[in-house]
């Protein structure tokens, strides 16, 4: 049996589980789901640039501070790359992706519990 993207290790006995059958019966669903997952993971990078002028005015940062703030998500992705790859090697890509999406969902929901922004527009 050939391996598919995001499959776990082959099971002993060579039989198909119910998860394998779902994966085989709907292969057309894999690409849109991977696209949605990628779009969701990139939203954190796309959220900062549109509000940089508001952050610049509200926090009274100079241009160096605003540039550092804009580059912070990329720097953090670079720092997290090695531990993330070790985690993927340990638990598998499917579980790592599902865990990451769940973590982003919980963090996004918790963001709504914060105080409302009372910033003036630039």
PDB file of N, CA and C in Angstrom:
ATOM      1  N   UNK A   1       0.855  -1.165   0.000  1.00  0.00           N
ATOM      2  CA  UNK A   1       0.000   0.000   0.000  1.00  0.00           C
ATOM      3  C   UNK A   1       0.906   1.234   0.000  1.00  0.00           C
ATOM      4  N   UNK A   2       0.658   2.187  -0.873  1.00  0.00           N
ATOM      5  CA  UNK A   2       1.501   3.373  -0.922  1.00  0.00           C
ATOM      6  C   UNK A   2       1.070   4.357   0.150  1.00  0.00           C
ATOM      7  N   UNK A   3       2.042   5.097   0.665  1.00  0.00           N
ATOM      8  CA  UNK A   3       1.779   6.059   1.736  1.00  0.00           C
ATOM      9  C   UNK A   3       1.198   7.324   1.162  1.00  0.00           C
ATOM     10  N   UNK A   4       0.263   7.906   1.887  1.00  0.00           N
ATOM     11  CA  UNK A   4      -0.355   9.160   1.484  1.00  0.00           C
ATOM     12  C   UNK A   4       0.109  10.266   2.425  1.00  0.00           C
ATOM     13  N   UNK A   5      -0.052  11.490   2.005  1.00  0.00           N
ATOM     14  CA  UNK A   5       0.317  12.638   2.804  1.00  0.00           C
ATOM     15  C   UNK A   5      -0.461  12.642   4.104  1.00  0.00           C
ATOM     16  N   UNK A   6       0.204  12.912   5.206  1.00  0.00           N
ATOM     17  CA  UNK A   6      -0.373  12.995   6.543  1.00  0.00           C
ATOM     18  C   UNK A   6      -0.845  11.651   7.072  1.00  0.00           C
ATOM     19  N   UNK A   7      -0.352  10.540   6.516  1.00  0.00           N
ATOM     20  CA  UNK A   7      -0.701   9.240   7.062  1.00  0.00           C
ATOM     21  C   UNK A   7       0.202   8.935   8.243  1.00  0.00           C
ATOM     22  N   UNK A   8      -0.312   8.190   9.168  1.00  0.00           N
ATOM     23  CA  UNK A   8       0.479   7.704  10.286  1.00  0.00           C
ATOM     24  C   UNK A   8       1.310   6.527   9.782  1.00  0.00           C
ATOM     25  N   UNK A   9       2.117   5.974  10.660  1.00  0.00           N
ATOM     26  CA  UNK A   9       2.919   4.819  10.293  1.00  0.00           C
ATOM     27  C   UNK A   9       1.999   3.655   9.915  1.00  0.00           C
ATOM     28  N   UNK A  10       2.447   2.799   8.982  1.00  0.00           N
ATOM     29  CA  UNK A  10       1.611   1.654   8.591  1.00  0.00           C
ATOM     30  C   UNK A  10       1.332   0.758   9.790  1.00  0.00           C
ATOM     31  N   UNK A  11       0.139   0.217   9.847  1.00  0.00           N
ATOM     32  CA  UNK A  11      -0.250  -0.647  10.946  1.00  0.00           C
ATOM     33  C   UNK A  11       0.190  -2.077  10.661  1.00  0.00           C
ATOM     34  N   UNK A  12       0.400  -2.824  11.739  1.00  0.00           N
ATOM     35  CA  UNK A  12       0.770  -4.222  11.558  1.00  0.00           C
ATOM     36  C   UNK A  12      -0.426  -4.983  10.998  1.00  0.00           C
ATOM     37  N   UNK A  13      -0.169  -5.932  10.197  1.00  0.00           N
ATOM     38  CA  UNK A  13      -1.235  -6.705   9.589  1.00  0.00           C
ATOM     39  C   UNK A  13      -1.630  -6.191   8.216  1.00  0.00           C
ATOM     40  N   UNK A  14      -1.278  -4.979   7.874  1.00  0.00           N
ATOM     41  CA  UNK A  14      -1.533  -4.440   6.553  1.00  0.00           C
ATOM     42  C   UNK A  14      -2.976  -4.097   6.263  1.00  0.00           C
ATOM     43  N   UNK A  15      -3.872  -4.185   7.253  1.00  0.00           N
ATOM     44  CA  UNK A  15      -5.279  -3.883   7.004  1.00  0.00           C
ATOM     45  C   UNK A  15      -5.556  -2.395   7.029  1.00  0.00           C
ATOM     46  N   UNK A  16      -6.708  -2.001   6.505  1.00  0.00           N
ATOM     47  CA  UNK A  16      -7.105  -0.607   6.487  1.00  0.00           C
ATOM     48  C   UNK A  16      -8.001  -0.311   7.692  1.00  0.00           C
ATOM     49  N   UNK A  17      -7.755   0.779   8.365  1.00  0.00           N
ATOM     50  CA  UNK A  17      -8.628   1.190   9.458  1.00  0.00           C
ATOM     51  C   UNK A  17      -9.746   2.052   8.877  1.00  0.00           C
ATOM     52  N   UNK A  18     -10.683   2.439   9.731  1.00  0.00           N
ATOM     53  CA  UNK A  18     -11.776   3.298   9.261  1.00  0.00           C
ATOM     54  C   UNK A  18     -11.238   4.659   8.838  1.00  0.00           C
ATOM     55  N   UNK A  19     -10.178   5.144   9.483  1.00  0.00           N
ATOM     56  CA  UNK A  19      -9.588   6.430   9.097  1.00  0.00           C
ATOM     57  C   UNK A  19      -8.968   6.328   7.715  1.00  0.00           C
ATOM     58  N   UNK A  20      -8.324   5.194   7.410  1.00  0.00           N
ATOM     59  CA  UNK A  20      -7.759   4.997   6.082  1.00  0.00           C
ATOM     60  C   UNK A  20      -8.857   4.960   5.029  1.00  0.00           C
ATOM     61  N   UNK A  21      -9.982   4.335   5.340  1.00  0.00           N
ATOM     62  CA  UNK A  21     -11.067   4.244   4.370  1.00  0.00           C
ATOM     63  C   UNK A  21     -11.671   5.603   4.079  1.00  0.00           C
ATOM     64  N   UNK A  22     -11.786   6.467   5.109  1.00  0.00           N
ATOM     65  CA  UNK A  22     -12.289   7.819   4.889  1.00  0.00           C
ATOM     66  C   UNK A  22     -11.319   8.586   4.003  1.00  0.00           C
ATOM     67  N   UNK A  23     -10.021   8.396   4.260  1.00  0.00           N
ATOM     68  CA  UNK A  23      -9.011   9.082   3.468  1.00  0.00           C
ATOM     69  C   UNK A  23      -9.033   8.610   2.016  1.00  0.00           C
ATOM     70  N   UNK A  24      -9.272   7.314   1.803  1.00  0.00           N
ATOM     71  CA  UNK A  24      -9.305   6.773   0.452  1.00  0.00           C
ATOM     72  C   UNK A  24     -10.587   7.195  -0.259  1.00  0.00           C
ATOM     73  N   UNK A  25     -11.709   7.246   0.466  1.00  0.00           N
ATOM     74  CA  UNK A  25     -12.981   7.530  -0.188  1.00  0.00           C
ATOM     75  C   UNK A  25     -13.148   8.999  -0.554  1.00  0.00           C
ATOM     76  N   UNK A  26     -12.426   9.910   0.098  1.00  0.00           N
ATOM     77  CA  UNK A  26     -12.561  11.336  -0.208  1.00  0.00           C
ATOM     78  C   UNK A  26     -11.200  12.015  -0.396  1.00  0.00           C
ATOM     79  N   UNK A  27     -10.420  11.612  -1.382  1.00  0.00           N
ATOM     80  CA  UNK A  27      -9.123  12.255  -1.568  1.00  0.00           C
ATOM     81  C   UNK A  27      -9.248  13.700  -2.063  1.00  0.00           C
ATOM     82  N   UNK A  28     -10.365  14.057  -2.678  1.00  0.00           N
ATOM     83  CA  UNK A  28     -10.570  15.417  -3.183  1.00  0.00           C
ATOM     84  C   UNK A  28     -10.705  16.421  -2.047  1.00  0.00           C
ATOM     85  N   UNK A  29     -10.992  15.956  -0.842  1.00  0.00           N
ATOM     86  CA  UNK A  29     -11.190  16.846   0.290  1.00  0.00           C
ATOM     87  C   UNK A  29      -9.870  17.286   0.930  1.00  0.00           C
ATOM     88  N   UNK A  30      -8.801  16.527   0.672  1.00  0.00           N
ATOM     89  CA  UNK A  30      -7.523  16.793   1.329  1.00  0.00           C
ATOM     90  C   UNK A  30      -6.935  18.161   0.938  1.00  0.00           C
ATOM     91  N   UNK A  31      -6.931  18.503  -0.333  1.00  0.00           N
ATOM     92  CA  UNK A  31      -6.311  19.749  -0.777  1.00  0.00           C
ATOM     93  C   UNK A  31      -7.025  20.992  -0.237  1.00  0.00           C
ATOM     94  N   UNK A  32      -8.364  21.092  -0.314  1.00  0.00           N
ATOM     95  CA  UNK A  32      -9.007  22.274   0.277  1.00  0.00           C
ATOM     96  C   UNK A  32      -8.799  22.384   1.791  1.00  0.00           C
ATOM     97  N   UNK A  33      -8.768  21.248   2.482  1.00  0.00           N
ATOM     98  CA  UNK A  33      -8.534  21.301   3.928  1.00  0.00           C
ATOM     99  C   UNK A  33      -7.115  21.766   4.243  1.00  0.00           C
ATOM    100  N   UNK A  34      -6.144  21.313   3.457  1.00  0.00           N
ATOM    101  CA  UNK A  34      -4.769  21.768   3.671  1.00  0.00           C
ATOM    102  C   UNK A  34      -4.640  23.251   3.348  1.00  0.00           C
ATOM    103  N   UNK A  35      -5.352  23.719   2.328  1.00  0.00           N
ATOM    104  CA  UNK A  35      -5.325  25.139   1.989  1.00  0.00           C
ATOM    105  C   UNK A  35      -5.920  25.970   3.125  1.00  0.00           C
ATOM    106  N   UNK A  36      -7.051  25.530   3.675  1.00  0.00           N
ATOM    107  CA  UNK A  36      -7.675  26.248   4.790  1.00  0.00           C
ATOM    108  C   UNK A  36      -6.775  26.266   6.021  1.00  0.00           C
ATOM    109  N   UNK A  37      -6.110  25.151   6.288  1.00  0.00           N
ATOM    110  CA  UNK A  37      -5.191  25.107   7.427  1.00  0.00           C
ATOM    111  C   UNK A  37      -4.037  26.082   7.217  1.00  0.00           C
ATOM    112  N   UNK A  38      -3.482  26.117   6.014  1.00  0.00           N
ATOM    113  CA  UNK A  38      -2.397  27.060   5.720  1.00  0.00           C
ATOM    114  C   UNK A  38      -2.845  28.504   5.814  1.00  0.00           C
ATOM    115  N   UNK A  39      -4.048  28.793   5.344  1.00  0.00           N
ATOM    116  CA  UNK A  39      -4.574  30.155   5.435  1.00  0.00           C
ATOM    117  C   UNK A  39      -4.772  30.540   6.892  1.00  0.00           C
ATOM    118  N   UNK A  40      -5.256  29.611   7.710  1.00  0.00           N
ATOM    119  CA  UNK A  40      -5.464  29.893   9.124  1.00  0.00           C
ATOM    120  C   UNK A  40      -4.142  30.143   9.843  1.00  0.00           C
ATOM    121  N   UNK A  41      -3.119  29.382   9.497  1.00  0.00           N
ATOM    122  CA  UNK A  41      -1.828  29.552  10.146  1.00  0.00           C
ATOM    123  C   UNK A  41      -1.137  30.856   9.734  1.00  0.00           C
ATOM    124  N   UNK A  42      -1.495  31.409   8.588  1.00  0.00           N
ATOM    125  CA  UNK A  42      -0.872  32.652   8.132  1.00  0.00           C
ATOM    126  C   UNK A  42      -1.619  33.905   8.580  1.00  0.00           C
ATOM    127  N   UNK A  43      -2.774  33.754   9.148  1.00  0.00           N
ATOM    128  CA  UNK A  43      -3.533  34.929   9.582  1.00  0.00           C
ATOM    129  C   UNK A  43      -2.798  35.732  10.644  1.00  0.00           C
ATOM    130  N   UNK A  44      -1.992  35.068  11.468  1.00  0.00           N
ATOM    131  CA  UNK A  44      -1.248  35.805  12.489  1.00  0.00           C
ATOM    132  C   UNK A  44      -0.229  36.748  11.853  1.00  0.00           C
ATOM    133  N   UNK A  45       0.333  36.343  10.715  1.00  0.00           N
ATOM    134  CA  UNK A  45       1.283  37.227  10.026  1.00  0.00           C
ATOM    135  C   UNK A  45       0.574  38.383   9.339  1.00  0.00           C
ATOM    136  N   UNK A  46      -0.625  38.135   8.861  1.00  0.00           N
ATOM    137  CA  UNK A  46      -1.344  39.160   8.113  1.00  0.00           C
ATOM    138  C   UNK A  46      -2.084  40.143   9.006  1.00  0.00           C
ATOM    139  N   UNK A  47      -2.189  39.867  10.294  1.00  0.00           N
ATOM    140  CA  UNK A  47      -2.961  40.724  11.191  1.00  0.00           C
ATOM    141  C   UNK A  47      -2.187  41.973  11.614  1.00  0.00           C
ATOM    142  N   UNK A  48      -0.879  41.919  11.658  1.00  0.00           N
ATOM    143  CA  UNK A  48      -0.095  43.037  12.199  1.00  0.00           C
ATOM    144  C   UNK A  48       0.024  44.223  11.236  1.00  0.00           C
ATOM    145  N   UNK A  49       0.406  44.048   9.969  1.00  0.00           N
ATOM    146  CA  UNK A  49       0.645  45.218   9.113  1.00  0.00           C
ATOM    147  C   UNK A  49      -0.516  46.195   8.976  1.00  0.00           C
ATOM    148  N   UNK A  50      -1.781  45.776   8.876  1.00  0.00           N
ATOM    149  CA  UNK A  50      -2.844  46.772   8.734  1.00  0.00           C
ATOM    150  C   UNK A  50      -3.026  47.670   9.954  1.00  0.00           C
ATOM    151  N   UNK A  51      -2.643  47.192  11.124  1.00  0.00           N
ATOM    152  CA  UNK A  51      -2.844  48.000  12.339  1.00  0.00           C
ATOM    153  C   UNK A  51      -1.562  48.666  12.820  1.00  0.00           C
ATOM    154  N   UNK A  52      -0.486  48.566  12.049  1.00  0.00           N
ATOM    155  CA  UNK A  52       0.769  49.203  12.462  1.00  0.00           C
ATOM    156  C   UNK A  52       0.636  50.720  12.661  1.00  0.00           C
ATOM    157  N   UNK A  53      -0.069  51.457  11.798  1.00  0.00           N
ATOM    158  CA  UNK A  53      -0.210  52.893  12.069  1.00  0.00           C
ATOM    159  C   UNK A  53      -0.926  53.194  13.393  1.00  0.00           C
ATOM    160  N   UNK A  54      -1.911  52.395  13.737  1.00  0.00           N
ATOM    161  CA  UNK A  54      -2.620  52.596  15.001  1.00  0.00           C
ATOM    162  C   UNK A  54      -1.697  52.275  16.175  1.00  0.00           C
ATOM    163  N   UNK A  55      -0.945  51.180  16.055  1.00  0.00           N
ATOM    164  CA  UNK A  55       0.003  50.817  17.115  1.00  0.00           C
ATOM    165  C   UNK A  55       1.080  51.885  17.236  1.00  0.00           C
ATOM    166  N   UNK A  56       1.548  52.391  16.097  1.00  0.00           N
ATOM    167  CA  UNK A  56       2.579  53.432  16.083  1.00  0.00           C
ATOM    168  C   UNK A  56       2.110  54.676  16.826  1.00  0.00           C
ATOM    169  N   UNK A  57       0.887  55.092  16.578  1.00  0.00           N
ATOM    170  CA  UNK A  57       0.355  56.295  17.230  1.00  0.00           C
ATOM    171  C   UNK A  57       0.018  56.042  18.692  1.00  0.00           C
ATOM    172  N   UNK A  58      -0.581  54.903  18.986  1.00  0.00           N
ATOM    173  CA  UNK A  58      -1.049  54.636  20.340  1.00  0.00           C
ATOM    174  C   UNK A  58       0.104  54.389  21.308  1.00  0.00           C
ATOM    175  N   UNK A  59       1.123  53.641  20.882  1.00  0.00           N
ATOM    176  CA  UNK A  59       2.246  53.331  21.760  1.00  0.00           C
ATOM    177  C   UNK A  59       3.380  54.343  21.645  1.00  0.00           C
ATOM    178  N   UNK A  60       3.233  55.280  20.744  1.00  0.00           N
ATOM    179  CA  UNK A  60       4.233  56.324  20.519  1.00  0.00           C
ATOM    180  C   UNK A  60       5.616  55.729  20.269  1.00  0.00           C
ATOM    181  N   UNK A  61       5.646  54.754  19.354  1.00  0.00           N
ATOM    182  CA  UNK A  61       6.897  54.108  18.975  1.00  0.00           C
ATOM    183  C   UNK A  61       7.567  54.892  17.860  1.00  0.00           C
ATOM    184  N   UNK A  62       8.903  54.820  17.821  1.00  0.00           N
ATOM    185  CA  UNK A  62       9.593  55.394  16.679  1.00  0.00           C
ATOM    186  C   UNK A  62       9.602  54.369  15.546  1.00  0.00           C
ATOM    187  N   UNK A  63      10.213  54.713  14.420  1.00  0.00           N
ATOM    188  CA  UNK A  63      10.186  53.831  13.254  1.00  0.00           C
ATOM    189  C   UNK A  63      10.917  52.516  13.508  1.00  0.00           C
ATOM    190  N   UNK A  64      11.981  52.561  14.311  1.00  0.00           N
ATOM    191  CA  UNK A  64      12.706  51.322  14.627  1.00  0.00           C
ATOM    192  C   UNK A  64      11.825  50.368  15.434  1.00  0.00           C
ATOM    193  N   UNK A  65      11.078  50.897  16.369  1.00  0.00           N
ATOM    194  CA  UNK A  65      10.189  50.068  17.172  1.00  0.00           C
ATOM    195  C   UNK A  65       9.069  49.459  16.350  1.00  0.00           C
ATOM    196  N   UNK A  66       8.518  50.245  15.421  1.00  0.00           N
ATOM    197  CA  UNK A  66       7.465  49.733  14.542  1.00  0.00           C
ATOM    198  C   UNK A  66       8.028  48.658  13.619  1.00  0.00           C
ATOM    199  N   UNK A  67       9.239  48.853  13.095  1.00  0.00           N
ATOM    200  CA  UNK A  67       9.857  47.852  12.225  1.00  0.00           C
ATOM    201  C   UNK A  67      10.143  46.567  12.993  1.00  0.00           C
ATOM    202  N   UNK A  68      10.608  46.706  14.235  1.00  0.00           N
ATOM    203  CA  UNK A  68      10.851  45.518  15.056  1.00  0.00           C
ATOM    204  C   UNK A  68       9.551  44.786  15.349  1.00  0.00           C
ATOM    205  N   UNK A  69       8.500  45.527  15.601  1.00  0.00           N
ATOM    206  CA  UNK A  69       7.203  44.907  15.862  1.00  0.00           C
ATOM    207  C   UNK A  69       6.663  44.194  14.626  1.00  0.00           C
ATOM    208  N   UNK A  70       6.879  44.773  13.456  1.00  0.00           N
ATOM    209  CA  UNK A  70       6.432  44.136  12.216  1.00  0.00           C
ATOM    210  C   UNK A  70       7.213  42.875  11.894  1.00  0.00           C
ATOM    211  N   UNK A  71       8.474  42.808  12.278  1.00  0.00           N
ATOM    212  CA  UNK A  71       9.299  41.630  12.005  1.00  0.00           C
ATOM    213  C   UNK A  71       9.239  40.573  13.085  1.00  0.00           C
ATOM    214  N   UNK A  72       8.590  40.870  14.193  1.00  0.00           N
ATOM    215  CA  UNK A  72       8.531  39.933  15.315  1.00  0.00           C
ATOM    216  C   UNK A  72       7.875  38.594  14.977  1.00  0.00           C
ATOM    217  N   UNK A  73       6.742  38.553  14.260  1.00  0.00           N
ATOM    218  CA  UNK A  73       6.166  37.236  13.936  1.00  0.00           C
ATOM    219  C   UNK A  73       7.101  36.353  13.110  1.00  0.00           C
ATOM    220  N   UNK A  74       7.817  36.939  12.164  1.00  0.00           N
ATOM    221  CA  UNK A  74       8.741  36.160  11.339  1.00  0.00           C
ATOM    222  C   UNK A  74       9.894  35.625  12.196  1.00  0.00           C
ATOM    223  N   UNK A  75      10.401  36.457  13.101  1.00  0.00           N
ATOM    224  CA  UNK A  75      11.465  36.027  14.000  1.00  0.00           C
ATOM    225  C   UNK A  75      10.995  34.882  14.891  1.00  0.00           C
ATOM    226  N   UNK A  76       9.789  34.985  15.421  1.00  0.00           N
ATOM    227  CA  UNK A  76       9.272  33.927  16.286  1.00  0.00           C
ATOM    228  C   UNK A  76       9.028  32.634  15.517  1.00  0.00           C
ATOM    229  N   UNK A  77       8.595  32.733  14.258  1.00  0.00           N
ATOM    230  CA  UNK A  77       8.457  31.530  13.439  1.00  0.00           C
ATOM    231  C   UNK A  77       9.813  30.874  13.225  1.00  0.00           C
ATOM    232  N   UNK A  78      10.840  31.676  13.020  1.00  0.00           N
ATOM    233  CA  UNK A  78      12.180  31.128  12.852  1.00  0.00           C
ATOM    234  C   UNK A  78      12.688  30.448  14.110  1.00  0.00           C
ATOM    235  N   UNK A  79      12.421  31.042  15.265  1.00  0.00           N
ATOM    236  CA  UNK A  79      12.841  30.444  16.531  1.00  0.00           C
ATOM    237  C   UNK A  79      12.084  29.146  16.796  1.00  0.00           C
ATOM    238  N   UNK A  80      10.814  29.104  16.435  1.00  0.00           N
ATOM    239  CA  UNK A  80       9.988  27.920  16.698  1.00  0.00           C
ATOM    240  C   UNK A  80      10.175  26.815  15.666  1.00  0.00           C
ATOM    241  N   UNK A  81      10.942  27.054  14.612  1.00  0.00           N
ATOM    242  CA  UNK A  81      11.071  26.058  13.545  1.00  0.00           C
ATOM    243  C   UNK A  81      11.738  24.773  14.028  1.00  0.00           C
ATOM    244  N   UNK A  82      12.813  24.885  14.788  1.00  0.00           N
ATOM    245  CA  UNK A  82      13.523  23.680  15.238  1.00  0.00           C
ATOM    246  C   UNK A  82      12.684  22.887  16.246  1.00  0.00           C
ATOM    247  N   UNK A  83      12.167  23.510  17.325  1.00  0.00           N
ATOM    248  CA  UNK A  83      11.316  22.716  18.220  1.00  0.00           C
ATOM    249  C   UNK A  83      10.069  22.176  17.520  1.00  0.00           C
ATOM    250  N   UNK A  84       9.527  22.943  16.577  1.00  0.00           N
ATOM    251  CA  UNK A  84       8.359  22.471  15.840  1.00  0.00           C
ATOM    252  C   UNK A  84       8.672  21.248  14.999  1.00  0.00           C
ATOM    253  N   UNK A  85       9.829  21.235  14.351  1.00  0.00           N
ATOM    254  CA  UNK A  85      10.190  20.065  13.541  1.00  0.00           C
ATOM    255  C   UNK A  85      10.450  18.846  14.421  1.00  0.00           C
ATOM    256  N   UNK A  86      11.001  19.060  15.607  1.00  0.00           N
ATOM    257  CA  UNK A  86      11.190  17.940  16.532  1.00  0.00           C
ATOM    258  C   UNK A  86       9.849  17.395  17.012  1.00  0.00           C
ATOM    259  N   UNK A  87       8.895  18.289  17.259  1.00  0.00           N
ATOM    260  CA  UNK A  87       7.563  17.858  17.667  1.00  0.00           C
ATOM    261  C   UNK A  87       6.874  17.075  16.553  1.00  0.00           C
ATOM    262  N   UNK A  88       7.004  17.547  15.316  1.00  0.00           N
ATOM    263  CA  UNK A  88       6.412  16.842  14.178  1.00  0.00           C
ATOM    264  C   UNK A  88       7.037  15.456  14.032  1.00  0.00           C
ATOM    265  N   UNK A  89       8.347  15.357  14.216  1.00  0.00           N
ATOM    266  CA  UNK A  89       9.007  14.056  14.119  1.00  0.00           C
ATOM    267  C   UNK A  89       8.544  13.115  15.232  1.00  0.00           C
ATOM    268  N   UNK A  90       8.213  13.679  16.374  1.00  0.00           N
ATOM    269  CA  UNK A  90       7.811  12.836  17.514  1.00  0.00           C
ATOM    270  C   UNK A  90       6.354  12.383  17.440  1.00  0.00           C
ATOM    271  N   UNK A  91       5.434  13.294  17.117  1.00  0.00           N
ATOM    272  CA  UNK A  91       4.004  12.938  17.168  1.00  0.00           C
ATOM    273  C   UNK A  91       3.373  12.760  15.798  1.00  0.00           C
ATOM    274  N   UNK A  92       4.071  13.118  14.740  1.00  0.00           N
ATOM    275  CA  UNK A  92       3.537  12.958  13.385  1.00  0.00           C
ATOM    276  C   UNK A  92       2.925  14.250  12.867  1.00  0.00           C
ATOM    277  N   UNK A  93       2.921  14.424  11.548  1.00  0.00           N
ATOM    278  CA  UNK A  93       2.437  15.677  10.971  1.00  0.00           C
ATOM    279  C   UNK A  93       0.943  15.916  11.162  1.00  0.00           C
ATOM    280  N   UNK A  94       0.144  14.866  11.123  1.00  0.00           N
ATOM    281  CA  UNK A  94      -1.307  15.049  11.271  1.00  0.00           C
ATOM    282  C   UNK A  94      -1.649  15.551  12.674  1.00  0.00           C
ATOM    283  N   UNK A  95      -1.102  14.897  13.680  1.00  0.00           N
ATOM    284  CA  UNK A  95      -1.384  15.318  15.061  1.00  0.00           C
ATOM    285  C   UNK A  95      -0.816  16.703  15.348  1.00  0.00           C
ATOM    286  N   UNK A  96       0.359  16.997  14.800  1.00  0.00           N
ATOM    287  CA  UNK A  96       0.957  18.313  15.016  1.00  0.00           C
ATOM    288  C   UNK A  96       0.106  19.409  14.381  1.00  0.00           C
ATOM    289  N   UNK A  97      -0.402  19.155  13.168  1.00  0.00           N
ATOM    290  CA  UNK A  97      -1.243  20.142  12.498  1.00  0.00           C
ATOM    291  C   UNK A  97      -2.557  20.355  13.249  1.00  0.00           C
ATOM    292  N   UNK A  98      -3.184  19.263  13.665  1.00  0.00           N
ATOM    293  CA  UNK A  98      -4.440  19.380  14.407  1.00  0.00           C
ATOM    294  C   UNK A  98      -4.207  20.087  15.733  1.00  0.00           C
ATOM    295  N   UNK A  99      -3.120  19.751  16.421  1.00  0.00           N
ATOM    296  CA  UNK A  99      -2.808  20.419  17.682  1.00  0.00           C
ATOM    297  C   UNK A  99      -2.533  21.903  17.497  1.00  0.00           C
ATOM    298  N   UNK A 100      -1.798  22.239  16.435  1.00  0.00           N
ATOM    299  CA  UNK A 100      -1.518  23.646  16.163  1.00  0.00           C
ATOM    300  C   UNK A 100      -2.775  24.435  15.838  1.00  0.00           C
ATOM    301  N   UNK A 101      -3.656  23.844  15.039  1.00  0.00           N
ATOM    302  CA  UNK A 101      -4.908  24.524  14.702  1.00  0.00           C
ATOM    303  C   UNK A 101      -5.796  24.694  15.940  1.00  0.00           C
ATOM    304  N   UNK A 102      -5.821  23.677  16.805  1.00  0.00           N
ATOM    305  CA  UNK A 102      -6.603  23.798  18.048  1.00  0.00           C
ATOM    306  C   UNK A 102      -6.016  24.877  18.956  1.00  0.00           C
ATOM    307  N   UNK A 103      -4.690  24.932  19.043  1.00  0.00           N
ATOM    308  CA  UNK A 103      -4.039  25.954  19.861  1.00  0.00           C
ATOM    309  C   UNK A 103      -4.329  27.354  19.333  1.00  0.00           C
ATOM    310  N   UNK A 104      -4.289  27.535  18.022  1.00  0.00           N
ATOM    311  CA  UNK A 104      -4.616  28.831  17.431  1.00  0.00           C
ATOM    312  C   UNK A 104      -6.076  29.184  17.680  1.00  0.00           C
ATOM    313  N   UNK A 105      -6.960  28.201  17.578  1.00  0.00           N
ATOM    314  CA  UNK A 105      -8.375  28.457  17.849  1.00  0.00           C
ATOM    315  C   UNK A 105      -8.625  28.888  19.279  1.00  0.00           C
ATOM    316  N   UNK A 106      -7.985  28.217  20.246  1.00  0.00           N
ATOM    317  CA  UNK A 106      -8.149  28.585  21.662  1.00  0.00           C
ATOM    318  C   UNK A 106      -7.556  29.967  21.918  1.00  0.00           C
ATOM    319  N   UNK A 107      -6.370  30.231  21.367  1.00  0.00           N
ATOM    320  CA  UNK A 107      -5.739  31.539  21.573  1.00  0.00           C
ATOM    321  C   UNK A 107      -6.565  32.659  20.944  1.00  0.00           C
ATOM    322  N   UNK A 108      -7.152  32.406  19.788  1.00  0.00           N
ATOM    323  CA  UNK A 108      -7.992  33.416  19.148  1.00  0.00           C
ATOM    324  C   UNK A 108      -9.251  33.668  19.954  1.00  0.00           C
ATOM    325  N   UNK A 109      -9.820  32.615  20.525  1.00  0.00           N
ATOM    326  CA  UNK A 109     -11.005  32.789  21.365  1.00  0.00           C
ATOM    327  C   UNK A 109     -10.668  33.551  22.636  1.00  0.00           C
ATOM    328  N   UNK A 110      -9.505  33.281  23.218  1.00  0.00           N
ATOM    329  CA  UNK A 110      -9.098  33.996  24.430  1.00  0.00           C
ATOM    330  C   UNK A 110      -8.791  35.466  24.154  1.00  0.00           C
ATOM    331  N   UNK A 111      -8.396  35.770  22.928  1.00  0.00           N
ATOM    332  CA  UNK A 111      -8.121  37.154  22.569  1.00  0.00           C
ATOM    333  C   UNK A 111      -9.375  38.017  22.711  1.00  0.00           C
ATOM    334  N   UNK A 112     -10.534  37.420  22.504  1.00  0.00           N
ATOM    335  CA  UNK A 112     -11.787  38.153  22.643  1.00  0.00           C
ATOM    336  C   UNK A 112     -12.128  38.497  24.073  1.00  0.00           C
ATOM    337  N   UNK A 113     -11.463  37.870  25.042  1.00  0.00           N
ATOM    338  CA  UNK A 113     -11.731  38.165  26.446  1.00  0.00           C
ATOM    339  C   UNK A 113     -10.973  39.390  26.949  1.00  0.00           C
ATOM    340  N   UNK A 114     -10.046  39.891  26.150  1.00  0.00           N
ATOM    341  CA  UNK A 114      -9.248  41.050  26.551  1.00  0.00           C
ATOM    342  C   UNK A 114     -10.064  42.324  26.529  1.00  0.00           C
ATOM    343  N   UNK A 115      -9.494  43.381  27.085  1.00  0.00           N
ATOM    344  CA  UNK A 115     -10.221  44.657  27.100  1.00  0.00           C
ATOM    345  C   UNK A 115     -10.361  45.218  25.684  1.00  0.00           C
ATOM    346  N   UNK A 116     -11.395  45.981  25.424  1.00  0.00           N
ATOM    347  CA  UNK A 116     -11.556  46.560  24.095  1.00  0.00           C
ATOM    348  C   UNK A 116     -10.493  47.629  23.829  1.00  0.00           C
ATOM    349  N   UNK A 117     -10.164  47.776  22.576  1.00  0.00           N
ATOM    350  CA  UNK A 117      -9.158  48.770  22.179  1.00  0.00           C
ATOM    351  C   UNK A 117      -9.819  50.154  22.165  1.00  0.00           C
ATOM    352  N   UNK A 118      -9.234  51.067  22.880  1.00  0.00           N
ATOM    353  CA  UNK A 118      -9.713  52.440  22.897  1.00  0.00           C
ATOM    354  C   UNK A 118      -8.669  53.347  22.277  1.00  0.00           C
ATOM    355  N   UNK A 119      -8.268  53.000  21.065  1.00  0.00           N
ATOM    356  CA  UNK A 119      -7.241  53.783  20.387  1.00  0.00           C
ATOM    357  C   UNK A 119      -7.876  54.758  19.422  1.00  0.00           C
ATOM    358  N   UNK A 120      -7.195  55.841  19.256  1.00  0.00           N
ATOM    359  CA  UNK A 120      -7.654  56.817  18.270  1.00  0.00           C
ATOM    360  C   UNK A 120      -7.069  56.459  16.919  1.00  0.00           C
ATOM    361  N   UNK A 121      -7.825  56.669  15.885  1.00  0.00           N
ATOM    362  CA  UNK A 121      -7.299  56.383  14.546  1.00  0.00           C
ATOM    363  C   UNK A 121      -6.313  57.466  14.145  1.00  0.00           C
ATOM    364  N   UNK A 122      -5.299  57.099  13.322  1.00  0.00           N
ATOM    365  CA  UNK A 122      -4.258  58.079  12.958  1.00  0.00           C
ATOM    366  C   UNK A 122      -4.774  59.156  12.044  1.00  0.00           C
TER     367      UNK A 122
END
